[in-house]
């Protein structure tokens, strides 16, 4: 999980500041959730990455 979150942070790093900040907040929420419910956090990270790959990360 930690490695996947690091990879997700690397994906959003080159984005414009406004978009990057929004996505990083989302990743931080997933990170916080992982402390309590790792299975749900994994599903949310999967959804985040799928949306990002479909182009939602560039908006």
Protein backbone atom coordinates (compact mmCIF):
# COMPACT_ATOMS: atom_id res chain seq x y z
CA UNK A 1 0.00 0.00 0.00
CA UNK A 2 2.74 2.45 0.92
CA UNK A 3 4.57 1.83 -2.34
CA UNK A 4 1.39 2.35 -4.35
CA UNK A 5 0.70 5.61 -2.51
CA UNK A 6 4.26 6.80 -3.22
CA UNK A 7 3.77 5.95 -6.89
CA UNK A 8 0.50 7.88 -6.95
CA UNK A 9 2.22 10.92 -5.42
CA UNK A 10 4.88 10.68 -8.13
CA UNK A 11 2.17 10.65 -10.79
CA UNK A 12 0.58 13.88 -9.56
CA UNK A 13 3.87 15.70 -8.86
CA UNK A 14 4.32 17.15 -12.38
CA UNK A 15 0.76 18.49 -12.61
CA UNK A 16 -0.12 22.19 -12.35
CA UNK A 17 -0.16 23.42 -8.71
CA UNK A 18 -3.92 23.79 -8.35
CA UNK A 19 -4.66 20.32 -9.69
CA UNK A 20 -1.73 18.78 -7.81
CA UNK A 21 -2.92 20.21 -4.47
CA UNK A 22 -6.43 18.83 -4.94
CA UNK A 23 -5.16 15.37 -5.82
CA UNK A 24 -2.60 15.32 -3.01
CA UNK A 25 -5.37 16.12 -0.51
CA UNK A 26 -7.26 13.14 -1.88
CA UNK A 27 -4.18 10.92 -1.50
CA UNK A 28 -3.65 12.14 2.06
CA UNK A 29 -7.24 11.19 2.88
CA UNK A 30 -6.59 7.71 1.47
CA UNK A 31 -3.38 7.50 3.53
CA UNK A 32 -5.27 8.43 6.68
CA UNK A 33 -7.99 5.89 5.90
CA UNK A 34 -5.34 3.18 5.49
CA UNK A 35 -4.53 3.53 9.19
CA UNK A 36 -8.06 2.40 10.06
CA UNK A 37 -9.29 0.30 7.12
CA UNK A 38 -6.61 -0.89 4.72
CA UNK A 39 -9.02 -2.78 2.47
CA UNK A 40 -11.22 0.26 1.92
CA UNK A 41 -8.15 2.46 1.40
CA UNK A 42 -6.87 0.03 -1.24
CA UNK A 43 -10.20 0.18 -3.08
CA UNK A 44 -10.19 3.98 -2.93
CA UNK A 45 -6.62 4.09 -4.22
CA UNK A 46 -7.58 1.76 -7.07
CA UNK A 47 -10.46 4.09 -7.96
CA UNK A 48 -8.21 7.15 -7.70
CA UNK A 49 -5.62 5.63 -10.03
CA UNK A 50 -8.28 4.48 -12.51
CA UNK A 51 -9.78 7.98 -12.60
CA UNK A 52 -6.32 9.50 -12.96
CA UNK A 53 -5.45 7.23 -15.87
CA UNK A 54 -8.79 8.05 -17.53
CA UNK A 55 -7.83 11.71 -17.54
CA UNK A 56 -9.55 13.00 -14.42
CA UNK A 57 -6.16 13.98 -12.99
CA UNK A 58 -5.57 16.54 -15.69
CA UNK A 59 -8.67 18.58 -14.91
